[in-house]
Amino acid sequence: MEFDLFKNQVRFKIALELIDVDEGLSILQLNKILKEVPQATLYRHMNAMLEDDLLKIVGINRSGKVEEKLYALNTQAYKVSQEDWQSATYSERIRFITYYFMYIIQNYKNYHERIVGEQAQDQSTFSFVKLNLTDDSFDDFQSELSTLMKKYYAVGESEDATDRTVSVVIIP
């Protein structure tokens, strides 16, 4: 796969629509969402993505004699432990990172659609900072960041709280 998912716009659009849709979508459902993609093209790309183990079949909708397969992203193939990450090839790491960023993109898309519908102000932010750190300072930074994330993660769910996605990428 490597960068192929980003090179092919149809597959990228399919994957974006299937992020966080554990119950899956049929090709007909995807065709309604991706109106600009002909149904035959969707079939072709879905079959290729299934063959490449990017998708899995999670169910079947039956309507009379007609059966529709429900497809979802094969996320199990992209969950990686620290040990697996350390032993992963460059291509395997790129695949995992690709799905990570797709997840972030889809989260922003969902957020944006919600705020547009509510006519609310966009409160999303992002930053890119290069830090000039020694190895010891870098270790301290990562430790402090981890402590901060754990502090707020441990707060737990509250009825009056809103889910917020915080994404951090560190390239040493």
N, C-alpha and C. Protein backbone atom coordinates (compact mmCIF):
# COMPACT_ATOMS: atom_id res chain seq x y z
N MET A 1 0.82 -1.19 0.00
CA MET A 1 0.00 0.00 0.00
C MET A 1 0.86 1.25 0.00
N GLU A 2 1.72 1.40 0.93
CA GLU A 2 2.55 2.59 1.11
C GLU A 2 1.76 3.86 0.85
N PHE A 3 2.17 4.65 -0.13
CA PHE A 3 1.49 5.91 -0.39
C PHE A 3 0.34 5.76 -1.37
N ASP A 4 0.06 4.54 -1.84
CA ASP A 4 -0.96 4.32 -2.86
C ASP A 4 -2.31 4.89 -2.46
N LEU A 5 -2.64 4.83 -1.19
CA LEU A 5 -3.94 5.31 -0.75
C LEU A 5 -4.09 6.81 -1.02
N PHE A 6 -3.00 7.55 -0.84
CA PHE A 6 -3.05 8.99 -1.09
C PHE A 6 -2.96 9.31 -2.58
N LYS A 7 -2.35 8.44 -3.36
CA LYS A 7 -2.25 8.67 -4.80
C LYS A 7 -3.57 8.46 -5.50
N ASN A 8 -4.43 7.61 -4.95
CA ASN A 8 -5.70 7.31 -5.58
C ASN A 8 -6.81 8.00 -4.81
N GLN A 9 -7.38 9.03 -5.41
CA GLN A 9 -8.40 9.84 -4.75
C GLN A 9 -9.65 9.05 -4.39
N VAL A 10 -10.06 8.12 -5.23
CA VAL A 10 -11.27 7.34 -4.95
C VAL A 10 -11.06 6.49 -3.70
N ARG A 11 -9.94 5.80 -3.62
CA ARG A 11 -9.67 4.95 -2.45
C ARG A 11 -9.52 5.80 -1.19
N PHE A 12 -8.90 6.94 -1.34
CA PHE A 12 -8.76 7.83 -0.20
C PHE A 12 -10.12 8.29 0.31
N LYS A 13 -11.01 8.66 -0.61
CA LYS A 13 -12.36 9.10 -0.24
C LYS A 13 -13.14 7.97 0.42
N ILE A 14 -13.01 6.76 -0.12
CA ILE A 14 -13.68 5.60 0.47
C ILE A 14 -13.19 5.40 1.89
N ALA A 15 -11.89 5.39 2.07
CA ALA A 15 -11.31 5.17 3.39
C ALA A 15 -11.75 6.25 4.38
N LEU A 16 -11.78 7.50 3.94
CA LEU A 16 -12.21 8.58 4.83
C LEU A 16 -13.65 8.37 5.29
N GLU A 17 -14.51 7.94 4.40
CA GLU A 17 -15.92 7.74 4.76
C GLU A 17 -16.10 6.55 5.70
N LEU A 18 -15.17 5.61 5.66
CA LEU A 18 -15.31 4.40 6.49
C LEU A 18 -14.63 4.51 7.86
N ILE A 19 -13.90 5.59 8.08
CA ILE A 19 -13.26 5.76 9.39
C ILE A 19 -14.34 5.89 10.46
N ASP A 20 -14.19 5.14 11.51
CA ASP A 20 -15.12 5.14 12.66
C ASP A 20 -16.52 4.66 12.32
N VAL A 21 -16.68 3.93 11.23
CA VAL A 21 -17.98 3.36 10.88
C VAL A 21 -17.84 1.84 11.06
N ASP A 22 -17.83 1.42 12.33
CA ASP A 22 -17.60 0.02 12.66
C ASP A 22 -18.65 -0.91 12.06
N GLU A 23 -19.89 -0.42 11.95
CA GLU A 23 -20.97 -1.25 11.40
C GLU A 23 -20.86 -1.39 9.89
N GLY A 24 -19.99 -0.61 9.27
CA GLY A 24 -19.74 -0.70 7.85
C GLY A 24 -20.77 0.00 6.99
N LEU A 25 -20.44 0.14 5.73
CA LEU A 25 -21.34 0.72 4.73
C LEU A 25 -21.33 -0.18 3.50
N SER A 26 -22.46 -0.24 2.82
CA SER A 26 -22.54 -0.98 1.56
C SER A 26 -22.03 -0.09 0.43
N ILE A 27 -21.81 -0.70 -0.70
CA ILE A 27 -21.38 0.07 -1.86
C ILE A 27 -22.48 1.05 -2.25
N LEU A 28 -23.74 0.65 -2.13
CA LEU A 28 -24.85 1.57 -2.46
C LEU A 28 -24.87 2.76 -1.50
N GLN A 29 -24.61 2.51 -0.21
CA GLN A 29 -24.57 3.61 0.76
C GLN A 29 -23.41 4.55 0.44
N LEU A 30 -22.25 3.97 0.13
CA LEU A 30 -21.10 4.80 -0.24
C LEU A 30 -21.38 5.58 -1.52
N ASN A 31 -22.09 4.98 -2.45
CA ASN A 31 -22.42 5.65 -3.70
C ASN A 31 -23.29 6.88 -3.46
N LYS A 32 -24.17 6.82 -2.46
CA LYS A 32 -25.00 7.98 -2.11
C LYS A 32 -24.16 9.09 -1.49
N ILE A 33 -23.13 8.71 -0.75
CA ILE A 33 -22.25 9.69 -0.10
C ILE A 33 -21.28 10.27 -1.12
N LEU A 34 -20.67 9.40 -1.92
CA LEU A 34 -19.68 9.81 -2.92
C LEU A 34 -20.37 9.88 -4.29
N LYS A 35 -21.25 10.83 -4.43
CA LYS A 35 -22.08 10.95 -5.63
C LYS A 35 -21.27 11.08 -6.92
N GLU A 36 -20.09 11.66 -6.82
CA GLU A 36 -19.28 11.89 -8.02
C GLU A 36 -18.56 10.64 -8.51
N VAL A 37 -18.60 9.55 -7.72
CA VAL A 37 -17.90 8.32 -8.10
C VAL A 37 -18.92 7.32 -8.64
N PRO A 38 -18.78 6.91 -9.89
CA PRO A 38 -19.71 5.93 -10.46
C PRO A 38 -19.70 4.62 -9.66
N GLN A 39 -20.85 3.97 -9.60
CA GLN A 39 -20.99 2.75 -8.82
C GLN A 39 -20.01 1.66 -9.28
N ALA A 40 -19.81 1.52 -10.57
CA ALA A 40 -18.88 0.50 -11.09
C ALA A 40 -17.45 0.78 -10.61
N THR A 41 -17.10 2.06 -10.55
CA THR A 41 -15.77 2.44 -10.06
C THR A 41 -15.64 2.11 -8.58
N LEU A 42 -16.71 2.37 -7.81
CA LEU A 42 -16.69 2.01 -6.39
C LEU A 42 -16.48 0.51 -6.22
N TYR A 43 -17.23 -0.30 -6.97
CA TYR A 43 -17.07 -1.76 -6.89
C TYR A 43 -15.63 -2.16 -7.14
N ARG A 44 -15.06 -1.61 -8.20
CA ARG A 44 -13.68 -1.97 -8.57
C ARG A 44 -12.69 -1.62 -7.46
N HIS A 45 -12.80 -0.40 -6.92
CA HIS A 45 -11.87 0.03 -5.89
C HIS A 45 -12.12 -0.69 -4.56
N MET A 46 -13.38 -0.93 -4.24
CA MET A 46 -13.69 -1.65 -2.99
C MET A 46 -13.11 -3.07 -3.05
N ASN A 47 -13.25 -3.73 -4.20
CA ASN A 47 -12.69 -5.07 -4.34
C ASN A 47 -11.17 -5.06 -4.22
N ALA A 48 -10.54 -4.06 -4.82
CA ALA A 48 -9.08 -3.94 -4.73
C ALA A 48 -8.65 -3.67 -3.29
N MET A 49 -9.39 -2.81 -2.59
CA MET A 49 -9.05 -2.49 -1.20
C MET A 49 -9.28 -3.71 -0.30
N LEU A 50 -10.28 -4.50 -0.59
CA LEU A 50 -10.54 -5.73 0.14
C LEU A 50 -9.40 -6.72 -0.09
N GLU A 51 -8.98 -6.83 -1.33
CA GLU A 51 -7.87 -7.72 -1.69
C GLU A 51 -6.57 -7.29 -1.02
N ASP A 52 -6.35 -5.98 -0.89
CA ASP A 52 -5.15 -5.44 -0.25
C ASP A 52 -5.24 -5.45 1.27
N ASP A 53 -6.33 -5.99 1.81
CA ASP A 53 -6.55 -6.10 3.25
C ASP A 53 -6.76 -4.74 3.93
N LEU A 54 -7.15 -3.74 3.13
CA LEU A 54 -7.46 -2.43 3.69
C LEU A 54 -8.89 -2.40 4.23
N LEU A 55 -9.74 -3.24 3.66
CA LEU A 55 -11.14 -3.32 4.08
C LEU A 55 -11.45 -4.74 4.54
N LYS A 56 -12.53 -4.85 5.29
CA LYS A 56 -13.05 -6.15 5.69
C LYS A 56 -14.57 -6.10 5.55
N ILE A 57 -15.17 -7.26 5.40
CA ILE A 57 -16.62 -7.37 5.34
C ILE A 57 -17.10 -7.60 6.77
N VAL A 58 -17.99 -6.72 7.24
CA VAL A 58 -18.45 -6.80 8.63
C VAL A 58 -19.90 -7.24 8.76
N GLY A 59 -20.58 -7.42 7.63
CA GLY A 59 -21.97 -7.85 7.70
C GLY A 59 -22.58 -7.90 6.31
N ILE A 60 -23.84 -8.32 6.31
CA ILE A 60 -24.60 -8.40 5.06
C ILE A 60 -26.00 -7.88 5.32
N ASN A 61 -26.45 -6.94 4.49
CA ASN A 61 -27.84 -6.47 4.50
C ASN A 61 -28.61 -7.31 3.50
N ARG A 62 -29.74 -7.83 3.93
CA ARG A 62 -30.58 -8.61 3.02
C ARG A 62 -31.89 -7.88 2.80
N SER A 63 -32.25 -7.74 1.55
CA SER A 63 -33.53 -7.15 1.18
C SER A 63 -34.13 -8.07 0.13
N GLY A 64 -35.00 -8.98 0.57
CA GLY A 64 -35.54 -9.99 -0.33
C GLY A 64 -34.44 -10.94 -0.75
N LYS A 65 -34.23 -11.06 -2.05
CA LYS A 65 -33.18 -11.94 -2.56
C LYS A 65 -31.85 -11.23 -2.75
N VAL A 66 -31.86 -9.91 -2.51
CA VAL A 66 -30.66 -9.10 -2.73
C VAL A 66 -29.84 -9.03 -1.44
N GLU A 67 -28.54 -9.28 -1.57
CA GLU A 67 -27.62 -9.16 -0.44
C GLU A 67 -26.61 -8.07 -0.74
N GLU A 68 -26.39 -7.21 0.26
CA GLU A 68 -25.37 -6.17 0.14
C GLU A 68 -24.33 -6.39 1.24
N LYS A 69 -23.08 -6.48 0.83
CA LYS A 69 -22.01 -6.62 1.81
C LYS A 69 -21.76 -5.27 2.46
N LEU A 70 -21.46 -5.29 3.76
CA LEU A 70 -21.10 -4.07 4.50
C LEU A 70 -19.60 -4.09 4.71
N TYR A 71 -18.95 -3.02 4.30
CA TYR A 71 -17.49 -2.92 4.37
C TYR A 71 -17.07 -1.92 5.44
N ALA A 72 -15.97 -2.24 6.11
CA ALA A 72 -15.38 -1.33 7.09
C ALA A 72 -13.86 -1.37 6.91
N LEU A 73 -13.20 -0.36 7.42
CA LEU A 73 -11.74 -0.38 7.39
C LEU A 73 -11.24 -1.52 8.25
N ASN A 74 -10.21 -2.16 7.81
CA ASN A 74 -9.60 -3.24 8.58
C ASN A 74 -8.61 -2.64 9.57
N THR A 75 -9.15 -2.01 10.60
CA THR A 75 -8.29 -1.28 11.55
C THR A 75 -7.41 -2.20 12.38
N GLN A 76 -7.80 -3.45 12.57
CA GLN A 76 -6.94 -4.37 13.33
C GLN A 76 -5.57 -4.48 12.71
N ALA A 77 -5.53 -4.39 11.39
CA ALA A 77 -4.26 -4.50 10.69
C ALA A 77 -3.37 -3.28 10.94
N TYR A 78 -3.92 -2.22 11.53
CA TYR A 78 -3.16 -0.99 11.69
C TYR A 78 -2.96 -0.58 13.14
N LYS A 79 -3.35 -1.44 14.08
CA LYS A 79 -3.05 -1.16 15.48
C LYS A 79 -1.70 -1.79 15.76
N VAL A 80 -0.83 -1.03 16.34
CA VAL A 80 0.53 -1.51 16.48
C VAL A 80 1.03 -1.27 17.90
N SER A 81 1.68 -2.27 18.45
CA SER A 81 2.28 -2.14 19.78
C SER A 81 3.64 -1.47 19.64
N GLN A 82 4.20 -1.05 20.74
CA GLN A 82 5.52 -0.42 20.72
C GLN A 82 6.55 -1.39 20.15
N GLU A 83 6.44 -2.66 20.53
CA GLU A 83 7.36 -3.68 20.04
C GLU A 83 7.23 -3.86 18.52
N ASP A 84 5.97 -3.92 18.04
CA ASP A 84 5.74 -4.06 16.61
C ASP A 84 6.23 -2.83 15.85
N TRP A 85 6.03 -1.65 16.45
CA TRP A 85 6.50 -0.41 15.80
C TRP A 85 8.01 -0.45 15.63
N GLN A 86 8.71 -0.89 16.67
CA GLN A 86 10.17 -0.93 16.62
C GLN A 86 10.68 -1.90 15.55
N SER A 87 9.95 -2.98 15.32
CA SER A 87 10.39 -3.98 14.34
C SER A 87 9.76 -3.76 12.96
N ALA A 88 8.90 -2.76 12.82
CA ALA A 88 8.20 -2.52 11.55
C ALA A 88 9.14 -2.00 10.48
N THR A 89 8.84 -2.36 9.25
CA THR A 89 9.59 -1.81 8.12
C THR A 89 9.10 -0.38 7.87
N TYR A 90 9.81 0.31 7.03
CA TYR A 90 9.41 1.67 6.66
C TYR A 90 8.02 1.67 6.06
N SER A 91 7.73 0.74 5.15
CA SER A 91 6.41 0.66 4.51
C SER A 91 5.32 0.42 5.53
N GLU A 92 5.56 -0.45 6.50
CA GLU A 92 4.56 -0.72 7.53
C GLU A 92 4.31 0.51 8.39
N ARG A 93 5.36 1.24 8.69
CA ARG A 93 5.21 2.47 9.48
C ARG A 93 4.42 3.51 8.69
N ILE A 94 4.71 3.65 7.42
CA ILE A 94 3.98 4.60 6.57
C ILE A 94 2.51 4.24 6.53
N ARG A 95 2.18 2.97 6.45
CA ARG A 95 0.78 2.53 6.44
C ARG A 95 0.08 2.94 7.73
N PHE A 96 0.73 2.70 8.85
CA PHE A 96 0.13 3.06 10.13
C PHE A 96 -0.05 4.58 10.24
N ILE A 97 0.96 5.33 9.88
CA ILE A 97 0.89 6.79 9.95
C ILE A 97 -0.19 7.33 9.00
N THR A 98 -0.33 6.73 7.83
CA THR A 98 -1.36 7.12 6.87
C THR A 98 -2.74 7.02 7.51
N TYR A 99 -3.00 5.90 8.17
CA TYR A 99 -4.31 5.73 8.80
C TYR A 99 -4.49 6.67 9.99
N TYR A 100 -3.43 6.93 10.69
CA TYR A 100 -3.50 7.88 11.79
C TYR A 100 -3.95 9.25 11.27
N PHE A 101 -3.32 9.73 10.22
CA PHE A 101 -3.68 11.04 9.68
C PHE A 101 -5.06 11.03 9.03
N MET A 102 -5.44 9.92 8.42
CA MET A 102 -6.79 9.83 7.88
C MET A 102 -7.81 9.96 9.00
N TYR A 103 -7.52 9.35 10.12
CA TYR A 103 -8.43 9.43 11.27
C TYR A 103 -8.56 10.89 11.73
N ILE A 104 -7.46 11.60 11.79
CA ILE A 104 -7.49 13.01 12.19
C ILE A 104 -8.28 13.83 11.17
N ILE A 105 -8.05 13.59 9.89
CA ILE A 105 -8.76 14.32 8.84
C ILE A 105 -10.26 14.08 8.96
N GLN A 106 -10.66 12.83 9.16
CA GLN A 106 -12.08 12.51 9.26
C GLN A 106 -12.69 13.14 10.51
N ASN A 107 -11.94 13.16 11.60
CA ASN A 107 -12.44 13.82 12.82
C ASN A 107 -12.67 15.30 12.57
N TYR A 108 -11.76 15.94 11.85
CA TYR A 108 -11.96 17.35 11.55
C TYR A 108 -13.16 17.54 10.63
N LYS A 109 -13.30 16.68 9.64
CA LYS A 109 -14.45 16.77 8.72
C LYS A 109 -15.76 16.69 9.50
N ASN A 110 -15.87 15.70 10.39
CA ASN A 110 -17.09 15.54 11.20
C ASN A 110 -17.32 16.77 12.07
N TYR A 111 -16.26 17.27 12.69
CA TYR A 111 -16.35 18.46 13.53
C TYR A 111 -16.80 19.66 12.71
N HIS A 112 -16.19 19.84 11.54
CA HIS A 112 -16.53 20.99 10.68
C HIS A 112 -17.99 20.93 10.23
N GLU A 113 -18.45 19.75 9.84
CA GLU A 113 -19.85 19.62 9.42
C GLU A 113 -20.79 19.96 10.58
N ARG A 114 -20.42 19.56 11.80
CA ARG A 114 -21.25 19.86 12.96
C ARG A 114 -21.30 21.35 13.23
N ILE A 115 -20.14 22.03 13.22
CA ILE A 115 -20.17 23.46 13.54
C ILE A 115 -20.84 24.28 12.45
N VAL A 116 -20.72 23.84 11.20
CA VAL A 116 -21.42 24.54 10.12
C VAL A 116 -22.92 24.40 10.33
N GLY A 117 -23.36 23.18 10.68
CA GLY A 117 -24.79 22.95 10.92
C GLY A 117 -25.31 23.74 12.10
N GLU A 118 -24.48 23.92 13.11
CA GLU A 118 -24.87 24.67 14.31
C GLU A 118 -24.56 26.15 14.17
N GLN A 119 -23.94 26.53 13.07
CA GLN A 119 -23.48 27.90 12.84
C GLN A 119 -22.63 28.40 14.01
N ALA A 120 -21.72 27.51 14.45
CA ALA A 120 -20.83 27.82 15.57
C ALA A 120 -19.46 28.24 15.04
N GLN A 121 -18.69 28.84 15.92
CA GLN A 121 -17.34 29.28 15.56
C GLN A 121 -16.38 28.10 15.61
N ASP A 122 -15.49 28.02 14.63
CA ASP A 122 -14.48 26.97 14.59
C ASP A 122 -13.43 27.25 15.67
N GLN A 123 -13.28 26.32 16.60
CA GLN A 123 -12.30 26.48 17.68
C GLN A 123 -11.09 25.57 17.52
N SER A 124 -10.98 24.93 16.34
CA SER A 124 -9.84 24.03 16.14
C SER A 124 -8.56 24.84 15.97
N THR A 125 -7.47 24.23 16.35
CA THR A 125 -6.16 24.87 16.21
C THR A 125 -5.13 23.79 15.86
N PHE A 126 -4.05 24.21 15.31
CA PHE A 126 -2.91 23.32 15.15
C PHE A 126 -1.67 24.18 15.10
N SER A 127 -0.57 23.55 15.44
CA SER A 127 0.69 24.29 15.38
C SER A 127 1.80 23.35 14.96
N PHE A 128 2.83 23.94 14.47
CA PHE A 128 4.02 23.21 14.05
C PHE A 128 5.20 23.94 14.65
N VAL A 129 5.93 23.28 15.52
CA VAL A 129 7.03 23.94 16.21
C VAL A 129 8.27 23.05 16.15
N LYS A 130 9.37 23.63 15.76
CA LYS A 130 10.64 22.91 15.83
C LYS A 130 11.33 23.36 17.10
N LEU A 131 11.67 22.40 17.92
CA LEU A 131 12.35 22.69 19.18
C LEU A 131 13.79 22.22 19.10
N ASN A 132 14.71 23.03 19.56
CA ASN A 132 16.12 22.68 19.59
C ASN A 132 16.43 22.16 20.99
N LEU A 133 16.43 20.81 21.14
CA LEU A 133 16.55 20.20 22.46
C LEU A 133 17.68 19.18 22.50
N THR A 134 18.31 19.09 23.64
CA THR A 134 19.26 18.00 23.85
C THR A 134 18.46 16.72 24.03
N ASP A 135 19.12 15.59 24.01
CA ASP A 135 18.42 14.32 24.23
C ASP A 135 17.74 14.30 25.59
N ASP A 136 18.42 14.83 26.61
CA ASP A 136 17.83 14.85 27.96
C ASP A 136 16.60 15.78 28.00
N SER A 137 16.71 16.95 27.38
CA SER A 137 15.59 17.88 27.35
C SER A 137 14.42 17.28 26.58
N PHE A 138 14.72 16.57 25.51
CA PHE A 138 13.68 15.94 24.71
C PHE A 138 12.96 14.86 25.53
N ASP A 139 13.74 14.07 26.28
CA ASP A 139 13.13 13.05 27.15
C ASP A 139 12.23 13.72 28.19
N ASP A 140 12.70 14.82 28.77
CA ASP A 140 11.89 15.56 29.75
C ASP A 140 10.60 16.08 29.12
N PHE A 141 10.73 16.64 27.92
CA PHE A 141 9.56 17.17 27.21
C PHE A 141 8.52 16.08 27.00
N GLN A 142 8.96 14.93 26.49
CA GLN A 142 8.03 13.83 26.23
C GLN A 142 7.39 13.32 27.53
N SER A 143 8.16 13.28 28.59
CA SER A 143 7.63 12.82 29.87
C SER A 143 6.58 13.80 30.41
N GLU A 144 6.87 15.10 30.32
CA GLU A 144 5.92 16.11 30.79
C GLU A 144 4.65 16.11 29.94
N LEU A 145 4.81 15.97 28.64
CA LEU A 145 3.65 15.91 27.75
C LEU A 145 2.79 14.69 28.07
N SER A 146 3.43 13.57 28.30
CA SER A 146 2.71 12.35 28.65
C SER A 146 1.95 12.52 29.96
N THR A 147 2.58 13.13 30.94
CA THR A 147 1.94 13.38 32.23
C THR A 147 0.71 14.28 32.05
N LEU A 148 0.84 15.32 31.25
CA LEU A 148 -0.27 16.24 30.99
C LEU A 148 -1.43 15.51 30.30
N MET A 149 -1.11 14.71 29.29
CA MET A 149 -2.17 13.98 28.57
C MET A 149 -2.86 13.00 29.52
N LYS A 150 -2.11 12.30 30.35
CA LYS A 150 -2.69 11.33 31.28
C LYS A 150 -3.58 12.03 32.30
N LYS A 151 -3.18 13.23 32.73
CA LYS A 151 -3.97 13.98 33.70
C LYS A 151 -5.38 14.24 33.16
N TYR A 152 -5.47 14.72 31.94
CA TYR A 152 -6.78 15.06 31.37
C TYR A 152 -7.53 13.83 30.87
N TYR A 153 -6.81 12.80 30.49
CA TYR A 153 -7.46 11.56 30.07
C TYR A 153 -8.12 10.89 31.27
N ALA A 154 -7.49 11.00 32.44
CA ALA A 154 -8.00 10.37 33.65
C ALA A 154 -9.25 11.05 34.20
N VAL A 155 -9.57 12.25 33.71
CA VAL A 155 -10.75 12.96 34.19
C VAL A 155 -12.01 12.15 33.95
N GLY A 156 -12.04 11.42 32.86
CA GLY A 156 -13.19 10.57 32.56
C GLY A 156 -14.32 11.33 31.89
N GLU A 157 -15.42 10.62 31.70
CA GLU A 157 -16.56 11.21 31.00
C GLU A 157 -17.46 11.98 31.96
N SER A 158 -18.03 13.05 31.43
CA SER A 158 -18.96 13.88 32.18
C SER A 158 -20.09 14.26 31.24
N GLU A 159 -21.30 14.33 31.76
CA GLU A 159 -22.45 14.65 30.91
C GLU A 159 -22.34 16.02 30.25
N ASP A 160 -21.74 16.98 30.93
CA ASP A 160 -21.66 18.33 30.37
C ASP A 160 -20.37 18.58 29.57
N ALA A 161 -19.58 17.53 29.40
CA ALA A 161 -18.32 17.67 28.67
C ALA A 161 -18.52 17.31 27.19
N THR A 162 -17.60 17.75 26.36
CA THR A 162 -17.61 17.49 24.93
C THR A 162 -16.37 16.70 24.57
N ASP A 163 -16.52 15.69 23.69
CA ASP A 163 -15.34 14.97 23.21
C ASP A 163 -14.47 15.92 22.41
N ARG A 164 -13.19 15.88 22.67
CA ARG A 164 -12.23 16.71 21.95
C ARG A 164 -11.07 15.83 21.53
N THR A 165 -10.65 15.96 20.30
CA THR A 165 -9.54 15.15 19.79
C THR A 165 -8.27 15.98 19.88
N VAL A 166 -7.27 15.43 20.53
CA VAL A 166 -5.96 16.07 20.63
C VAL A 166 -4.98 15.12 19.99
N SER A 167 -4.29 15.58 18.99
CA SER A 167 -3.34 14.75 18.26
C SER A 167 -1.95 15.35 18.39
N VAL A 168 -1.00 14.51 18.71
CA VAL A 168 0.39 14.96 18.84
C VAL A 168 1.26 14.03 18.01
N VAL A 169 2.09 14.62 17.18
CA VAL A 169 3.06 13.85 16.40
C VAL A 169 4.42 14.40 16.76
N ILE A 170 5.32 13.52 17.15
CA ILE A 170 6.68 13.95 17.49
C ILE A 170 7.65 13.24 16.54
N ILE A 171 8.44 14.01 15.85
CA ILE A 171 9.48 13.46 14.98
C ILE A 171 10.80 13.92 15.56
N PRO A 172 11.46 13.02 16.26
CA PRO A 172 12.72 13.40 16.94
C PRO A 172 13.84 13.79 15.99
